[in-house]
Amino acid sequence: MSIVRKLLLILAACTVPVFFFLQVLTSYQYQMLQREVSALESEQKDWFERNKKIIAGISVLRSPERIEKIARDELGLQKIDFSRVKRLVIE
């Protein structure tokens, strides 16, 4: 066998383990990224649920019935008859 042929065989024999290592490394990186994506999707779902609860809470707090009850019961305010309201127009 010639020296060139021996060197090519040695080079080929050395590249196979390198390719296996690169394949394992790529697979490991893929799994790590997949876990990170899953964790971020879970966190996104949690934030979405929190936002839904906050929006529902805002809706409850902004309801006219609730505001009227607080005005009447806690602040002692009363609705006025609109016939008693005077409008001033300034030109």
PDB file of N, CA and C in Angstrom:
ATOM      1  N   MET A   1       0.837  -1.190   0.000  1.00  0.00           N
ATOM      2  CA  MET A   1       0.000   0.000   0.000  1.00  0.00           C
ATOM      3  C   MET A   1       0.878   1.248   0.000  1.00  0.00           C
ATOM      4  N   SER A   2       0.377   2.204  -0.695  1.00  0.00           N
ATOM      5  CA  SER A   2       1.161   3.429  -0.748  1.00  0.00           C
ATOM      6  C   SER A   2       0.893   4.263   0.499  1.00  0.00           C
ATOM      7  N   ILE A   3       1.794   5.174   0.736  1.00  0.00           N
ATOM      8  CA  ILE A   3       1.696   6.039   1.922  1.00  0.00           C
ATOM      9  C   ILE A   3       0.454   6.923   1.844  1.00  0.00           C
ATOM     10  N   VAL A   4       0.122   7.393   0.658  1.00  0.00           N
ATOM     11  CA  VAL A   4      -1.055   8.263   0.492  1.00  0.00           C
ATOM     12  C   VAL A   4      -2.318   7.487   0.837  1.00  0.00           C
ATOM     13  N   ARG A   5      -2.372   6.259   0.382  1.00  0.00           N
ATOM     14  CA  ARG A   5      -3.553   5.431   0.657  1.00  0.00           C
ATOM     15  C   ARG A   5      -3.682   5.149   2.154  1.00  0.00           C
ATOM     16  N   LYS A   6      -2.574   4.888   2.820  1.00  0.00           N
ATOM     17  CA  LYS A   6      -2.576   4.647   4.270  1.00  0.00           C
ATOM     18  C   LYS A   6      -3.039   5.901   5.018  1.00  0.00           C
ATOM     19  N   LEU A   7      -2.546   7.048   4.575  1.00  0.00           N
ATOM     20  CA  LEU A   7      -2.962   8.301   5.219  1.00  0.00           C
ATOM     21  C   LEU A   7      -4.455   8.557   5.032  1.00  0.00           C
ATOM     22  N   LEU A   8      -4.969   8.260   3.850  1.00  0.00           N
ATOM     23  CA  LEU A   8      -6.401   8.434   3.602  1.00  0.00           C
ATOM     24  C   LEU A   8      -7.227   7.496   4.475  1.00  0.00           C
ATOM     25  N   LEU A   9      -6.771   6.273   4.645  1.00  0.00           N
ATOM     26  CA  LEU A   9      -7.482   5.326   5.509  1.00  0.00           C
ATOM     27  C   LEU A   9      -7.459   5.793   6.969  1.00  0.00           C
ATOM     28  N   ILE A  10      -6.323   6.280   7.412  1.00  0.00           N
ATOM     29  CA  ILE A  10      -6.212   6.785   8.785  1.00  0.00           C
ATOM     30  C   ILE A  10      -7.118   8.008   8.973  1.00  0.00           C
ATOM     31  N   LEU A  11      -7.093   8.891   7.986  1.00  0.00           N
ATOM     32  CA  LEU A  11      -7.944  10.078   8.038  1.00  0.00           C
ATOM     33  C   LEU A  11      -9.427   9.693   8.070  1.00  0.00           C
ATOM     34  N   ALA A  12      -9.812   8.742   7.253  1.00  0.00           N
ATOM     35  CA  ALA A  12     -11.203   8.272   7.234  1.00  0.00           C
ATOM     36  C   ALA A  12     -11.562   7.636   8.580  1.00  0.00           C
ATOM     37  N   ALA A  13     -10.644   6.864   9.144  1.00  0.00           N
ATOM     38  CA  ALA A  13     -10.898   6.211  10.431  1.00  0.00           C
ATOM     39  C   ALA A  13     -11.033   7.249  11.550  1.00  0.00           C
ATOM     40  N   CYS A  14     -10.342   8.364  11.433  1.00  0.00           N
ATOM     41  CA  CYS A  14     -10.422   9.409  12.463  1.00  0.00           C
ATOM     42  C   CYS A  14     -11.677  10.272  12.317  1.00  0.00           C
ATOM     43  N   THR A  15     -12.166  10.412  11.107  1.00  0.00           N
ATOM     44  CA  THR A  15     -13.340  11.280  10.904  1.00  0.00           C
ATOM     45  C   THR A  15     -14.625  10.622  11.372  1.00  0.00           C
ATOM     46  N   VAL A  16     -14.684   9.305  11.353  1.00  0.00           N
ATOM     47  CA  VAL A  16     -15.916   8.623  11.786  1.00  0.00           C
ATOM     48  C   VAL A  16     -16.239   8.951  13.245  1.00  0.00           C
ATOM     49  N   PRO A  17     -15.295   8.835  14.191  1.00  0.00           N
ATOM     50  CA  PRO A  17     -15.614   9.209  15.577  1.00  0.00           C
ATOM     51  C   PRO A  17     -15.976  10.694  15.712  1.00  0.00           C
ATOM     52  N   VAL A  18     -15.315  11.534  14.914  1.00  0.00           N
ATOM     53  CA  VAL A  18     -15.637  12.962  14.964  1.00  0.00           C
ATOM     54  C   VAL A  18     -17.089  13.182  14.537  1.00  0.00           C
ATOM     55  N   PHE A  19     -17.527  12.529  13.470  1.00  0.00           N
ATOM     56  CA  PHE A  19     -18.910  12.665  13.020  1.00  0.00           C
ATOM     57  C   PHE A  19     -19.895  12.139  14.065  1.00  0.00           C
ATOM     58  N   PHE A  20     -19.549  11.011  14.704  1.00  0.00           N
ATOM     59  CA  PHE A  20     -20.407  10.496  15.775  1.00  0.00           C
ATOM     60  C   PHE A  20     -20.505  11.492  16.925  1.00  0.00           C
ATOM     61  N   PHE A  21     -19.381  12.066  17.303  1.00  0.00           N
ATOM     62  CA  PHE A  21     -19.371  13.061  18.377  1.00  0.00           C
ATOM     63  C   PHE A  21     -20.224  14.270  18.004  1.00  0.00           C
ATOM     64  N   LEU A  22     -20.074  14.753  16.780  1.00  0.00           N
ATOM     65  CA  LEU A  22     -20.869  15.905  16.333  1.00  0.00           C
ATOM     66  C   LEU A  22     -22.359  15.576  16.320  1.00  0.00           C
ATOM     67  N   GLN A  23     -22.703  14.347  15.948  1.00  0.00           N
ATOM     68  CA  GLN A  23     -24.099  13.930  15.943  1.00  0.00           C
ATOM     69  C   GLN A  23     -24.664  13.922  17.364  1.00  0.00           C
ATOM     70  N   VAL A  24     -23.908  13.393  18.300  1.00  0.00           N
ATOM     71  CA  VAL A  24     -24.332  13.359  19.702  1.00  0.00           C
ATOM     72  C   VAL A  24     -24.453  14.771  20.254  1.00  0.00           C
ATOM     73  N   LEU A  25     -23.497  15.627  19.951  1.00  0.00           N
ATOM     74  CA  LEU A  25     -23.522  17.013  20.405  1.00  0.00           C
ATOM     75  C   LEU A  25     -24.743  17.748  19.856  1.00  0.00           C
ATOM     76  N   THR A  26     -25.019  17.565  18.584  1.00  0.00           N
ATOM     77  CA  THR A  26     -26.182  18.206  17.969  1.00  0.00           C
ATOM     78  C   THR A  26     -27.477  17.701  18.591  1.00  0.00           C
ATOM     79  N   SER A  27     -27.548  16.418  18.847  1.00  0.00           N
ATOM     80  CA  SER A  27     -28.738  15.846  19.476  1.00  0.00           C
ATOM     81  C   SER A  27     -28.940  16.404  20.881  1.00  0.00           C
ATOM     82  N   TYR A  28     -27.857  16.523  21.628  1.00  0.00           N
ATOM     83  CA  TYR A  28     -27.921  17.078  22.982  1.00  0.00           C
ATOM     84  C   TYR A  28     -28.395  18.537  22.946  1.00  0.00           C
ATOM     85  N   GLN A  29     -27.827  19.331  22.039  1.00  0.00           N
ATOM     86  CA  GLN A  29     -28.235  20.729  21.917  1.00  0.00           C
ATOM     87  C   GLN A  29     -29.708  20.836  21.535  1.00  0.00           C
ATOM     88  N   TYR A  30     -30.170  19.975  20.654  1.00  0.00           N
ATOM     89  CA  TYR A  30     -31.577  19.975  20.246  1.00  0.00           C
ATOM     90  C   TYR A  30     -32.478  19.681  21.445  1.00  0.00           C
ATOM     91  N   GLN A  31     -32.103  18.691  22.245  1.00  0.00           N
ATOM     92  CA  GLN A  31     -32.915  18.352  23.406  1.00  0.00           C
ATOM     93  C   GLN A  31     -32.947  19.493  24.414  1.00  0.00           C
ATOM     94  N   MET A  32     -31.823  20.151  24.624  1.00  0.00           N
ATOM     95  CA  MET A  32     -31.776  21.294  25.543  1.00  0.00           C
ATOM     96  C   MET A  32     -32.678  22.427  25.048  1.00  0.00           C
ATOM     97  N   LEU A  33     -32.618  22.714  23.763  1.00  0.00           N
ATOM     98  CA  LEU A  33     -33.464  23.766  23.195  1.00  0.00           C
ATOM     99  C   LEU A  33     -34.939  23.384  23.267  1.00  0.00           C
ATOM    100  N   GLN A  34     -35.228  22.115  23.066  1.00  0.00           N
ATOM    101  CA  GLN A  34     -36.608  21.644  23.142  1.00  0.00           C
ATOM    102  C   GLN A  34     -37.146  21.806  24.571  1.00  0.00           C
ATOM    103  N   ARG A  35     -36.327  21.505  25.564  1.00  0.00           N
ATOM    104  CA  ARG A  35     -36.748  21.695  26.961  1.00  0.00           C
ATOM    105  C   ARG A  35     -36.968  23.171  27.266  1.00  0.00           C
ATOM    106  N   GLU A  36     -36.087  24.016  26.748  1.00  0.00           N
ATOM    107  CA  GLU A  36     -36.221  25.450  26.978  1.00  0.00           C
ATOM    108  C   GLU A  36     -37.494  25.986  26.327  1.00  0.00           C
ATOM    109  N   VAL A  37     -37.793  25.525  25.126  1.00  0.00           N
ATOM    110  CA  VAL A  37     -39.021  25.945  24.446  1.00  0.00           C
ATOM    111  C   VAL A  37     -40.244  25.492  25.239  1.00  0.00           C
ATOM    112  N   SER A  38     -40.215  24.273  25.738  1.00  0.00           N
ATOM    113  CA  SER A  38     -41.341  23.767  26.536  1.00  0.00           C
ATOM    114  C   SER A  38     -41.528  24.604  27.798  1.00  0.00           C
ATOM    115  N   ALA A  39     -40.428  24.941  28.449  1.00  0.00           N
ATOM    116  CA  ALA A  39     -40.516  25.764  29.664  1.00  0.00           C
ATOM    117  C   ALA A  39     -41.068  27.147  29.339  1.00  0.00           C
ATOM    118  N   LEU A  40     -40.635  27.738  28.242  1.00  0.00           N
ATOM    119  CA  LEU A  40     -41.128  29.058  27.855  1.00  0.00           C
ATOM    120  C   LEU A  40     -42.602  29.007  27.447  1.00  0.00           C
ATOM    121  N   GLU A  41     -43.015  27.940  26.791  1.00  0.00           N
ATOM    122  CA  GLU A  41     -44.435  27.794  26.434  1.00  0.00           C
ATOM    123  C   GLU A  41     -45.287  27.672  27.695  1.00  0.00           C
ATOM    124  N   SER A  42     -44.793  26.927  28.669  1.00  0.00           N
ATOM    125  CA  SER A  42     -45.511  26.792  29.933  1.00  0.00           C
ATOM    126  C   SER A  42     -45.614  28.135  30.644  1.00  0.00           C
ATOM    127  N   GLU A  43     -44.518  28.889  30.656  1.00  0.00           N
ATOM    128  CA  GLU A  43     -44.523  30.207  31.285  1.00  0.00           C
ATOM    129  C   GLU A  43     -45.472  31.153  30.555  1.00  0.00           C
ATOM    130  N   GLN A  44     -45.485  31.062  29.231  1.00  0.00           N
ATOM    131  CA  GLN A  44     -46.395  31.895  28.445  1.00  0.00           C
ATOM    132  C   GLN A  44     -47.844  31.555  28.774  1.00  0.00           C
ATOM    133  N   LYS A  45     -48.148  30.283  28.938  1.00  0.00           N
ATOM    134  CA  LYS A  45     -49.504  29.861  29.288  1.00  0.00           C
ATOM    135  C   LYS A  45     -49.897  30.411  30.663  1.00  0.00           C
ATOM    136  N   ASP A  46     -48.958  30.350  31.614  1.00  0.00           N
ATOM    137  CA  ASP A  46     -49.225  30.887  32.952  1.00  0.00           C
ATOM    138  C   ASP A  46     -49.516  32.388  32.891  1.00  0.00           C
ATOM    139  N   TRP A  47     -48.699  33.130  32.148  1.00  0.00           N
ATOM    140  CA  TRP A  47     -48.917  34.574  32.016  1.00  0.00           C
ATOM    141  C   TRP A  47     -50.253  34.867  31.351  1.00  0.00           C
ATOM    142  N   PHE A  48     -50.615  34.065  30.357  1.00  0.00           N
ATOM    143  CA  PHE A  48     -51.893  34.255  29.671  1.00  0.00           C
ATOM    144  C   PHE A  48     -53.053  34.060  30.654  1.00  0.00           C
ATOM    145  N   GLU A  49     -52.960  33.022  31.482  1.00  0.00           N
ATOM    146  CA  GLU A  49     -54.011  32.765  32.472  1.00  0.00           C
ATOM    147  C   GLU A  49     -54.073  33.898  33.505  1.00  0.00           C
ATOM    148  N   ARG A  50     -52.921  34.377  33.934  1.00  0.00           N
ATOM    149  CA  ARG A  50     -52.902  35.510  34.878  1.00  0.00           C
ATOM    150  C   ARG A  50     -53.559  36.738  34.250  1.00  0.00           C
ATOM    151  N   ASN A  51     -53.231  37.012  33.011  1.00  0.00           N
ATOM    152  CA  ASN A  51     -53.817  38.162  32.328  1.00  0.00           C
ATOM    153  C   ASN A  51     -55.337  38.032  32.220  1.00  0.00           C
ATOM    154  N   LYS A  52     -55.814  36.820  31.934  1.00  0.00           N
ATOM    155  CA  LYS A  52     -57.270  36.619  31.861  1.00  0.00           C
ATOM    156  C   LYS A  52     -57.921  36.917  33.206  1.00  0.00           C
ATOM    157  N   LYS A  53     -57.281  36.479  34.300  1.00  0.00           N
ATOM    158  CA  LYS A  53     -57.840  36.738  35.627  1.00  0.00           C
ATOM    159  C   LYS A  53     -57.826  38.231  35.950  1.00  0.00           C
ATOM    160  N   ILE A  54     -56.747  38.905  35.572  1.00  0.00           N
ATOM    161  CA  ILE A  54     -56.657  40.344  35.835  1.00  0.00           C
ATOM    162  C   ILE A  54     -57.712  41.098  35.038  1.00  0.00           C
ATOM    163  N   ILE A  55     -57.909  40.730  33.788  1.00  0.00           N
ATOM    164  CA  ILE A  55     -58.919  41.393  32.962  1.00  0.00           C
ATOM    165  C   ILE A  55     -60.312  41.155  33.531  1.00  0.00           C
ATOM    166  N   ALA A  56     -60.561  39.932  33.999  1.00  0.00           N
ATOM    167  CA  ALA A  56     -61.856  39.644  34.621  1.00  0.00           C
ATOM    168  C   ALA A  56     -62.037  40.479  35.885  1.00  0.00           C
ATOM    169  N   GLY A  57     -60.969  40.619  36.667  1.00  0.00           N
ATOM    170  CA  GLY A  57     -61.027  41.436  37.877  1.00  0.00           C
ATOM    171  C   GLY A  57     -61.306  42.895  37.559  1.00  0.00           C
ATOM    172  N   ILE A  58     -60.673  43.398  36.517  1.00  0.00           N
ATOM    173  CA  ILE A  58     -60.916  44.786  36.107  1.00  0.00           C
ATOM    174  C   ILE A  58     -62.366  44.970  35.703  1.00  0.00           C
ATOM    175  N   SER A  59     -62.910  44.003  34.988  1.00  0.00           N
ATOM    176  CA  SER A  59     -64.310  44.090  34.575  1.00  0.00           C
ATOM    177  C   SER A  59     -65.241  44.174  35.776  1.00  0.00           C
ATOM    178  N   VAL A  60     -64.943  43.373  36.783  1.00  0.00           N
ATOM    179  CA  VAL A  60     -65.769  43.396  37.993  1.00  0.00           C
ATOM    180  C   VAL A  60     -65.642  44.743  38.693  1.00  0.00           C
ATOM    181  N   LEU A  61     -64.416  45.234  38.817  1.00  0.00           N
ATOM    182  CA  LEU A  61     -64.202  46.496  39.520  1.00  0.00           C
ATOM    183  C   LEU A  61     -64.791  47.695  38.779  1.00  0.00           C
ATOM    184  N   ARG A  62     -64.902  47.615  37.465  1.00  0.00           N
ATOM    185  CA  ARG A  62     -65.400  48.740  36.678  1.00  0.00           C
ATOM    186  C   ARG A  62     -66.918  48.701  36.480  1.00  0.00           C
ATOM    187  N   SER A  63     -67.580  47.704  37.016  1.00  0.00           N
ATOM    188  CA  SER A  63     -69.017  47.593  36.764  1.00  0.00           C
ATOM    189  C   SER A  63     -69.759  48.783  37.384  1.00  0.00           C
ATOM    190  N   PRO A  64     -70.694  49.358  36.635  1.00  0.00           N
ATOM    191  CA  PRO A  64     -71.445  50.510  37.128  1.00  0.00           C
ATOM    192  C   PRO A  64     -72.225  50.203  38.418  1.00  0.00           C
ATOM    193  N   GLU A  65     -72.725  48.987  38.554  1.00  0.00           N
ATOM    194  CA  GLU A  65     -73.472  48.620  39.752  1.00  0.00           C
ATOM    195  C   GLU A  65     -72.574  48.695  40.985  1.00  0.00           C
ATOM    196  N   ARG A  66     -71.375  48.203  40.871  1.00  0.00           N
ATOM    197  CA  ARG A  66     -70.432  48.233  41.996  1.00  0.00           C
ATOM    198  C   ARG A  66     -70.077  49.674  42.356  1.00  0.00           C
ATOM    199  N   ILE A  67     -69.789  50.479  41.353  1.00  0.00           N
ATOM    200  CA  ILE A  67     -69.426  51.880  41.595  1.00  0.00           C
ATOM    201  C   ILE A  67     -70.596  52.624  42.241  1.00  0.00           C
ATOM    202  N   GLU A  68     -71.799  52.371  41.763  1.00  0.00           N
ATOM    203  CA  GLU A  68     -72.975  53.033  42.348  1.00  0.00           C
ATOM    204  C   GLU A  68     -73.165  52.606  43.800  1.00  0.00           C
ATOM    205  N   LYS A  69     -72.965  51.332  44.094  1.00  0.00           N
ATOM    206  CA  LYS A  69     -73.128  50.839  45.466  1.00  0.00           C
ATOM    207  C   LYS A  69     -72.110  51.500  46.401  1.00  0.00           C
ATOM    208  N   ILE A  70     -70.861  51.609  45.963  1.00  0.00           N
ATOM    209  CA  ILE A  70     -69.838  52.258  46.783  1.00  0.00           C
ATOM    210  C   ILE A  70     -70.197  53.725  47.004  1.00  0.00           C
ATOM    211  N   ALA A  71     -70.621  54.400  45.940  1.00  0.00           N
ATOM    212  CA  ALA A  71     -70.982  55.814  46.056  1.00  0.00           C
ATOM    213  C   ALA A  71     -72.134  55.997  47.049  1.00  0.00           C
ATOM    214  N   ARG A  72     -73.104  55.131  46.970  1.00  0.00           N
ATOM    215  CA  ARG A  72     -74.285  55.247  47.832  1.00  0.00           C
ATOM    216  C   ARG A  72     -73.972  54.810  49.264  1.00  0.00           C
ATOM    217  N   ASP A  73     -73.402  53.619  49.439  1.00  0.00           N
ATOM    218  CA  ASP A  73     -73.244  53.043  50.777  1.00  0.00           C
ATOM    219  C   ASP A  73     -72.035  53.598  51.539  1.00  0.00           C
ATOM    220  N   GLU A  74     -70.906  53.741  50.864  1.00  0.00           N
ATOM    221  CA  GLU A  74     -69.686  54.144  51.558  1.00  0.00           C
ATOM    222  C   GLU A  74     -69.457  55.651  51.549  1.00  0.00           C
ATOM    223  N   LEU A  75     -69.889  56.314  50.472  1.00  0.00           N
ATOM    224  CA  LEU A  75     -69.631  57.744  50.362  1.00  0.00           C
ATOM    225  C   LEU A  75     -70.862  58.605  50.638  1.00  0.00           C
ATOM    226  N   GLY A  76     -72.013  57.961  50.770  1.00  0.00           N
ATOM    227  CA  GLY A  76     -73.242  58.692  51.072  1.00  0.00           C
ATOM    228  C   GLY A  76     -73.732  59.570  49.915  1.00  0.00           C
ATOM    229  N   LEU A  77     -73.364  59.242  48.714  1.00  0.00           N
ATOM    230  CA  LEU A  77     -73.796  60.018  47.554  1.00  0.00           C
ATOM    231  C   LEU A  77     -75.133  59.496  47.056  1.00  0.00           C
ATOM    232  N   GLN A  78     -75.867  60.370  46.381  1.00  0.00           N
ATOM    233  CA  GLN A  78     -77.161  59.981  45.819  1.00  0.00           C
ATOM    234  C   GLN A  78     -77.227  60.422  44.375  1.00  0.00           C
ATOM    235  N   LYS A  79     -77.996  59.694  43.593  1.00  0.00           N
ATOM    236  CA  LYS A  79     -78.238  60.121  42.224  1.00  0.00           C
ATOM    237  C   LYS A  79     -79.145  61.346  42.266  1.00  0.00           C
ATOM    238  N   ILE A  80     -78.871  62.253  41.364  1.00  0.00           N
ATOM    239  CA  ILE A  80     -79.722  63.441  41.333  1.00  0.00           C
ATOM    240  C   ILE A  80     -80.692  63.327  40.171  1.00  0.00           C
ATOM    241  N   ASP A  81     -81.748  64.050  40.295  1.00  0.00           N
ATOM    242  CA  ASP A  81     -82.743  64.104  39.232  1.00  0.00           C
ATOM    243  C   ASP A  81     -82.198  65.038  38.152  1.00  0.00           C
ATOM    244  N   PHE A  82     -82.131  64.546  36.936  1.00  0.00           N
ATOM    245  CA  PHE A  82     -81.533  65.336  35.859  1.00  0.00           C
ATOM    246  C   PHE A  82     -82.335  66.594  35.539  1.00  0.00           C
ATOM    247  N   SER A  83     -83.562  66.667  35.989  1.00  0.00           N
ATOM    248  CA  SER A  83     -84.345  67.903  35.773  1.00  0.00           C
ATOM    249  C   SER A  83     -83.779  69.034  36.632  1.00  0.00           C
ATOM    250  N   ARG A  84     -83.019  68.695  37.658  1.00  0.00           N
ATOM    251  CA  ARG A  84     -82.432  69.707  38.522  1.00  0.00           C
ATOM    252  C   ARG A  84     -81.074  70.223  38.009  1.00  0.00           C
ATOM    253  N   VAL A  85     -80.571  69.606  36.963  1.00  0.00           N
ATOM    254  CA  VAL A  85     -79.263  69.969  36.439  1.00  0.00           C
ATOM    255  C   VAL A  85     -79.423  71.164  35.503  1.00  0.00           C
ATOM    256  N   LYS A  86     -78.596  72.164  35.703  1.00  0.00           N
ATOM    257  CA  LYS A  86     -78.588  73.354  34.852  1.00  0.00           C
ATOM    258  C   LYS A  86     -77.325  73.333  34.019  1.00  0.00           C
ATOM    259  N   ARG A  87     -77.462  73.632  32.757  1.00  0.00           N
ATOM    260  CA  ARG A  87     -76.310  73.681  31.866  1.00  0.00           C
ATOM    261  C   ARG A  87     -76.003  75.124  31.540  1.00  0.00           C
ATOM    262  N   LEU A  88     -74.773  75.474  31.636  1.00  0.00           N
ATOM    263  CA  LEU A  88     -74.316  76.799  31.280  1.00  0.00           C
ATOM    264  C   LEU A  88     -73.561  76.706  29.954  1.00  0.00           C
ATOM    265  N   VAL A  89     -73.945  77.510  29.027  1.00  0.00           N
ATOM    266  CA  VAL A  89     -73.275  77.560  27.750  1.00  0.00           C
ATOM    267  C   VAL A  89     -72.569  78.898  27.668  1.00  0.00           C
ATOM    268  N   ILE A  90     -71.260  78.865  27.522  1.00  0.00           N
ATOM    269  CA  ILE A  90     -70.480  80.095  27.453  1.00  0.00           C
ATOM    270  C   ILE A  90     -69.984  80.245  26.025  1.00  0.00           C
ATOM    271  N   GLU A  91     -70.299  81.369  25.473  1.00  0.00           N
ATOM    272  CA  GLU A  91     -69.875  81.623  24.095  1.00  0.00           C
ATOM    273  C   GLU A  91     -68.773  82.639  24.042  1.00  0.00           C
TER     274      GLU A  91
END
